[in-house]
Amino acid sequence: MSTQTKPIKHRCHEVLETVGCDDFEIGLLPILRHLCVSARSADPKSWSRAFDIAVERYGEAIGLPAAHGLHKIVLSVFACRAGGLEVKDPLDTDARKDITDDEVQMLSMVHHMRRDNSAAARSAVAFVTRGRMDPVLIRTGLTFANRFPAGLGRHARKVARSKLSVVA
């Protein structure tokens, strides 16, 4: 007889669910951590791990562009904020159960941008950048949000039919 155990929710998942993050955004947390470690230490293994995690979680079609877009956001944050984001060590099993304020605000920014909630996204950007409304960060965040909008299935893409009209 096999017993199925329910996965234990760590504090970091509970916090992100409180913010309103969906499964896609919660899944970005370990990717974000590895990308930040990579940006801080120039360790090629960290960004490689980030992309591997993204592919494992979302598949190649979604995971690779998601990791790439998140990498651009992380680089934008590091360009406008000395020292970058404070993140938990993604390889420390005890530390990764918790979450930093920077991680919450970064994923909150992505969350609100994906839902086109400008006021909340603006507040999260201000927190992440320590008060600076950086246009490059905003542009990369909105590009990511446009590529992965909320409200659609994880693998669905919004396809609009062309509309024909007769002009006389």
C-alpha atoms as a PDB file:
ATOM      1  CA  MET A   1       0.000   0.000   0.000  1.00  0.00           C
ATOM      2  CA  SER A   2       1.402   3.351  -0.945  1.00  0.00           C
ATOM      3  CA  THR A   3       0.667   6.469   0.982  1.00  0.00           C
ATOM      4  CA  GLN A   4       0.789   9.843  -0.594  1.00  0.00           C
ATOM      5  CA  THR A   5       2.103  12.656   1.495  1.00  0.00           C
ATOM      6  CA  LYS A   6       1.059  16.190   0.986  1.00  0.00           C
ATOM      7  CA  PRO A   7       4.027  18.437   0.223  1.00  0.00           C
ATOM      8  CA  ILE A   8       4.931  20.649   3.151  1.00  0.00           C
ATOM      9  CA  LYS A   9       4.395  24.322   2.422  1.00  0.00           C
ATOM     10  CA  HIS A  10       7.311  26.425   3.495  1.00  0.00           C
ATOM     11  CA  ARG A  11       6.921  29.915   4.895  1.00  0.00           C
ATOM     12  CA  CYS A  12       8.093  31.405   1.589  1.00  0.00           C
ATOM     13  CA  HIS A  13       5.176  29.810  -0.286  1.00  0.00           C
ATOM     14  CA  GLU A  14       2.688  30.973   2.326  1.00  0.00           C
ATOM     15  CA  VAL A  15       3.981  34.548   2.099  1.00  0.00           C
ATOM     16  CA  LEU A  16       3.797  34.558  -1.703  1.00  0.00           C
ATOM     17  CA  GLU A  17       0.274  33.133  -1.615  1.00  0.00           C
ATOM     18  CA  THR A  18      -0.686  35.920   0.794  1.00  0.00           C
ATOM     19  CA  VAL A  19       0.585  38.444  -1.756  1.00  0.00           C
ATOM     20  CA  GLY A  20      -1.613  36.684  -4.315  1.00  0.00           C
ATOM     21  CA  CYS A  21       1.086  34.990  -6.384  1.00  0.00           C
ATOM     22  CA  ASP A  22      -0.019  32.089  -8.542  1.00  0.00           C
ATOM     23  CA  ASP A  23       1.871  28.816  -9.082  1.00  0.00           C
ATOM     24  CA  PHE A  24       3.828  30.288 -11.997  1.00  0.00           C
ATOM     25  CA  GLU A  25       5.115  33.190  -9.878  1.00  0.00           C
ATOM     26  CA  ILE A  26       5.861  30.979  -6.855  1.00  0.00           C
ATOM     27  CA  GLY A  27       7.853  28.719  -9.173  1.00  0.00           C
ATOM     28  CA  LEU A  28      10.023  31.692 -10.145  1.00  0.00           C
ATOM     29  CA  LEU A  29      11.466  31.981  -6.613  1.00  0.00           C
ATOM     30  CA  PRO A  30      14.261  29.381  -6.902  1.00  0.00           C
ATOM     31  CA  ILE A  31      15.064  30.641 -10.402  1.00  0.00           C
ATOM     32  CA  LEU A  32      15.276  34.203  -9.064  1.00  0.00           C
ATOM     33  CA  ARG A  33      17.606  33.102  -6.277  1.00  0.00           C
ATOM     34  CA  HIS A  34      20.017  31.325  -8.596  1.00  0.00           C
ATOM     35  CA  LEU A  35      20.035  34.249 -11.034  1.00  0.00           C
ATOM     36  CA  CYS A  36      20.805  36.715  -8.235  1.00  0.00           C
ATOM     37  CA  VAL A  37      23.656  34.535  -6.948  1.00  0.00           C
ATOM     38  CA  SER A  38      24.970  34.353 -10.509  1.00  0.00           C
ATOM     39  CA  ALA A  39      24.775  38.130 -10.974  1.00  0.00           C
ATOM     40  CA  ARG A  40      26.514  38.766  -7.666  1.00  0.00           C
ATOM     41  CA  SER A  41      29.327  36.238  -7.975  1.00  0.00           C
ATOM     42  CA  ALA A  42      29.623  35.712 -11.743  1.00  0.00           C
ATOM     43  CA  ASP A  43      29.208  31.973 -11.131  1.00  0.00           C
ATOM     44  CA  PRO A  44      28.127  30.378 -14.427  1.00  0.00           C
ATOM     45  CA  LYS A  45      26.815  27.320 -12.586  1.00  0.00           C
ATOM     46  CA  SER A  46      24.161  29.424 -10.837  1.00  0.00           C
ATOM     47  CA  TRP A  47      22.552  30.777 -13.986  1.00  0.00           C
ATOM     48  CA  SER A  48      22.800  27.319 -15.542  1.00  0.00           C
ATOM     49  CA  ARG A  49      20.967  25.859 -12.527  1.00  0.00           C
ATOM     50  CA  ALA A  50      18.342  28.575 -12.849  1.00  0.00           C
ATOM     51  CA  PHE A  51      17.652  27.657 -16.458  1.00  0.00           C
ATOM     52  CA  ASP A  52      17.620  23.933 -15.602  1.00  0.00           C
ATOM     53  CA  ILE A  53      15.065  24.523 -12.838  1.00  0.00           C
ATOM     54  CA  ALA A  54      12.903  26.578 -15.199  1.00  0.00           C
ATOM     55  CA  VAL A  55      12.940  23.831 -17.828  1.00  0.00           C
ATOM     56  CA  GLU A  56      12.157  21.155 -15.230  1.00  0.00           C
ATOM     57  CA  ARG A  57       9.241  23.162 -13.861  1.00  0.00           C
ATOM     58  CA  TYR A  58       7.686  24.643 -17.014  1.00  0.00           C
ATOM     59  CA  GLY A  59       9.168  22.672 -19.934  1.00  0.00           C
ATOM     60  CA  GLU A  60      11.496  24.094 -22.563  1.00  0.00           C
ATOM     61  CA  ALA A  61       8.886  26.126 -24.429  1.00  0.00           C
ATOM     62  CA  ILE A  62       7.924  28.147 -21.347  1.00  0.00           C
ATOM     63  CA  GLY A  63      10.890  27.625 -18.996  1.00  0.00           C
ATOM     64  CA  LEU A  64      13.686  28.925 -21.199  1.00  0.00           C
ATOM     65  CA  PRO A  65      11.984  32.206 -22.139  1.00  0.00           C
ATOM     66  CA  ALA A  66      10.776  32.644 -18.538  1.00  0.00           C
ATOM     67  CA  ALA A  67      14.290  32.212 -17.143  1.00  0.00           C
ATOM     68  CA  HIS A  68      15.697  34.490 -19.833  1.00  0.00           C
ATOM     69  CA  GLY A  69      13.127  37.204 -19.124  1.00  0.00           C
ATOM     70  CA  LEU A  70      13.655  36.935 -15.373  1.00  0.00           C
ATOM     71  CA  HIS A  71      17.421  37.118 -15.946  1.00  0.00           C
ATOM     72  CA  LYS A  72      16.955  40.423 -17.782  1.00  0.00           C
ATOM     73  CA  ILE A  73      14.904  41.750 -14.857  1.00  0.00           C
ATOM     74  CA  VAL A  74      17.579  40.674 -12.350  1.00  0.00           C
ATOM     75  CA  LEU A  75      20.322  42.341 -14.406  1.00  0.00           C
ATOM     76  CA  SER A  76      18.217  45.529 -14.555  1.00  0.00           C
ATOM     77  CA  VAL A  77      17.847  45.514 -10.776  1.00  0.00           C
ATOM     78  CA  PHE A  78      21.582  44.984 -10.287  1.00  0.00           C
ATOM     79  CA  ALA A  79      22.303  47.840 -12.722  1.00  0.00           C
ATOM     80  CA  CYS A  80      20.210  50.358 -10.789  1.00  0.00           C
ATOM     81  CA  ARG A  81      20.737  49.143  -7.232  1.00  0.00           C
ATOM     82  CA  ALA A  82      24.183  48.643  -5.746  1.00  0.00           C
ATOM     83  CA  GLY A  83      24.570  45.134  -4.390  1.00  0.00           C
ATOM     84  CA  GLY A  84      21.394  43.855  -6.043  1.00  0.00           C
ATOM     85  CA  LEU A  85      18.726  41.941  -4.206  1.00  0.00           C
ATOM     86  CA  GLU A  86      19.083  40.209  -0.874  1.00  0.00           C
ATOM     87  CA  VAL A  87      18.158  36.581  -1.535  1.00  0.00           C
ATOM     88  CA  LYS A  88      18.341  33.337   0.401  1.00  0.00           C
ATOM     89  CA  ASP A  89      20.973  30.780  -0.560  1.00  0.00           C
ATOM     90  CA  PRO A  90      19.220  28.510  -3.072  1.00  0.00           C
ATOM     91  CA  LEU A  91      21.444  25.547  -2.152  1.00  0.00           C
ATOM     92  CA  ASP A  92      20.911  25.736   1.628  1.00  0.00           C
ATOM     93  CA  THR A  93      17.873  23.554   2.363  1.00  0.00           C
ATOM     94  CA  ASP A  94      17.079  25.337   5.631  1.00  0.00           C
ATOM     95  CA  ALA A  95      17.594  28.894   4.360  1.00  0.00           C
ATOM     96  CA  ARG A  96      15.489  28.447   1.237  1.00  0.00           C
ATOM     97  CA  LYS A  97      12.387  27.697   3.328  1.00  0.00           C
ATOM     98  CA  ASP A  98      12.270  31.363   4.306  1.00  0.00           C
ATOM     99  CA  ILE A  99      11.993  34.468   2.129  1.00  0.00           C
ATOM    100  CA  THR A 100      13.504  37.957   2.162  1.00  0.00           C
ATOM    101  CA  ASP A 101      11.649  41.236   1.720  1.00  0.00           C
ATOM    102  CA  ASP A 102      13.499  41.798  -1.567  1.00  0.00           C
ATOM    103  CA  GLU A 103      12.310  38.444  -2.916  1.00  0.00           C
ATOM    104  CA  VAL A 104       8.730  39.182  -1.896  1.00  0.00           C
ATOM    105  CA  GLN A 105       8.767  42.629  -3.497  1.00  0.00           C
ATOM    106  CA  MET A 106      10.434  41.389  -6.678  1.00  0.00           C
ATOM    107  CA  LEU A 107       7.844  38.641  -7.175  1.00  0.00           C
ATOM    108  CA  SER A 108       5.116  41.063  -6.116  1.00  0.00           C
ATOM    109  CA  MET A 109       6.297  43.427  -8.854  1.00  0.00           C
ATOM    110  CA  VAL A 110       6.081  40.608 -11.413  1.00  0.00           C
ATOM    111  CA  HIS A 111       2.687  39.581 -10.003  1.00  0.00           C
ATOM    112  CA  HIS A 112       1.190  43.063 -10.353  1.00  0.00           C
ATOM    113  CA  MET A 113       2.729  43.713 -13.762  1.00  0.00           C
ATOM    114  CA  ARG A 114       1.275  40.435 -15.065  1.00  0.00           C
ATOM    115  CA  ARG A 115      -2.157  41.629 -13.941  1.00  0.00           C
ATOM    116  CA  ASP A 116      -1.729  45.194 -15.218  1.00  0.00           C
ATOM    117  CA  ASN A 117      -2.116  46.640 -11.720  1.00  0.00           C
ATOM    118  CA  SER A 118      -0.066  49.800 -12.212  1.00  0.00           C
ATOM    119  CA  ALA A 119      -0.322  51.341  -8.746  1.00  0.00           C
ATOM    120  CA  ALA A 120       0.751  48.177  -6.909  1.00  0.00           C
ATOM    121  CA  ALA A 121       3.473  47.455  -9.476  1.00  0.00           C
ATOM    122  CA  ARG A 122       4.806  51.009  -9.105  1.00  0.00           C
ATOM    123  CA  SER A 123       4.998  50.560  -5.336  1.00  0.00           C
ATOM    124  CA  ALA A 124       6.872  47.248  -5.705  1.00  0.00           C
ATOM    125  CA  VAL A 125       9.299  48.792  -8.226  1.00  0.00           C
ATOM    126  CA  ALA A 126       9.997  51.643  -5.797  1.00  0.00           C
ATOM    127  CA  PHE A 127      10.768  49.134  -3.041  1.00  0.00           C
ATOM    128  CA  VAL A 128      12.994  46.965  -5.248  1.00  0.00           C
ATOM    129  CA  THR A 129      14.970  49.960  -6.549  1.00  0.00           C
ATOM    130  CA  ARG A 130      14.958  51.837  -3.232  1.00  0.00           C
ATOM    131  CA  GLY A 131      12.870  54.699  -4.550  1.00  0.00           C
ATOM    132  CA  ARG A 132      14.165  54.999  -8.082  1.00  0.00           C
ATOM    133  CA  MET A 133      11.666  54.460 -10.886  1.00  0.00           C
ATOM    134  CA  ASP A 134      14.138  52.908 -13.319  1.00  0.00           C
ATOM    135  CA  PRO A 135      12.738  52.859 -16.876  1.00  0.00           C
ATOM    136  CA  VAL A 136      14.885  49.891 -17.949  1.00  0.00           C
ATOM    137  CA  LEU A 137      13.621  47.756 -15.054  1.00  0.00           C
ATOM    138  CA  ILE A 138      10.038  48.777 -15.729  1.00  0.00           C
ATOM    139  CA  ARG A 139      10.411  48.006 -19.436  1.00  0.00           C
ATOM    140  CA  THR A 140      11.946  44.575 -18.813  1.00  0.00           C
ATOM    141  CA  GLY A 141       9.290  43.779 -16.212  1.00  0.00           C
ATOM    142  CA  LEU A 142       6.479  44.767 -18.547  1.00  0.00           C
ATOM    143  CA  THR A 143       8.049  42.779 -21.395  1.00  0.00           C
ATOM    144  CA  PHE A 144       8.108  39.731 -19.115  1.00  0.00           C
ATOM    145  CA  ALA A 145       4.508  40.380 -18.059  1.00  0.00           C
ATOM    146  CA  ASN A 146       3.423  40.701 -21.681  1.00  0.00           C
ATOM    147  CA  ARG A 147       5.109  37.401 -22.555  1.00  0.00           C
ATOM    148  CA  PHE A 148       3.601  35.602 -19.540  1.00  0.00           C
ATOM    149  CA  PRO A 149       0.290  37.305 -18.736  1.00  0.00           C
ATOM    150  CA  ALA A 150      -1.806  36.095 -15.811  1.00  0.00           C
ATOM    151  CA  GLY A 151      -5.240  34.653 -16.244  1.00  0.00           C
ATOM    152  CA  LEU A 152      -4.300  32.263 -18.997  1.00  0.00           C
ATOM    153  CA  GLY A 153      -3.348  28.641 -18.672  1.00  0.00           C
ATOM    154  CA  ARG A 154       0.331  28.103 -18.065  1.00  0.00           C
ATOM    155  CA  HIS A 155       0.866  26.849 -21.619  1.00  0.00           C
ATOM    156  CA  ALA A 156      -1.787  28.918 -23.354  1.00  0.00           C
ATOM    157  CA  ARG A 157      -1.044  31.912 -25.493  1.00  0.00           C
ATOM    158  CA  LYS A 158      -3.545  34.592 -26.274  1.00  0.00           C
ATOM    159  CA  VAL A 159      -4.312  34.382 -29.966  1.00  0.00           C
ATOM    160  CA  ALA A 160      -6.497  37.011 -31.512  1.00  0.00           C
ATOM    161  CA  ARG A 161      -8.321  36.295 -34.719  1.00  0.00           C
ATOM    162  CA  SER A 162      -7.940  38.786 -37.452  1.00  0.00           C
ATOM    163  CA  LYS A 163     -11.088  40.715 -38.033  1.00  0.00           C
ATOM    164  CA  LEU A 164     -12.208  41.287 -41.590  1.00  0.00           C
ATOM    165  CA  SER A 165     -14.365  44.165 -42.552  1.00  0.00           C
ATOM    166  CA  VAL A 166     -15.765  45.315 -45.831  1.00  0.00           C
ATOM    167  CA  VAL A 167     -14.926  48.855 -46.799  1.00  0.00           C
ATOM    168  CA  ALA A 168     -17.088  50.353 -49.495  1.00  0.00           C
END
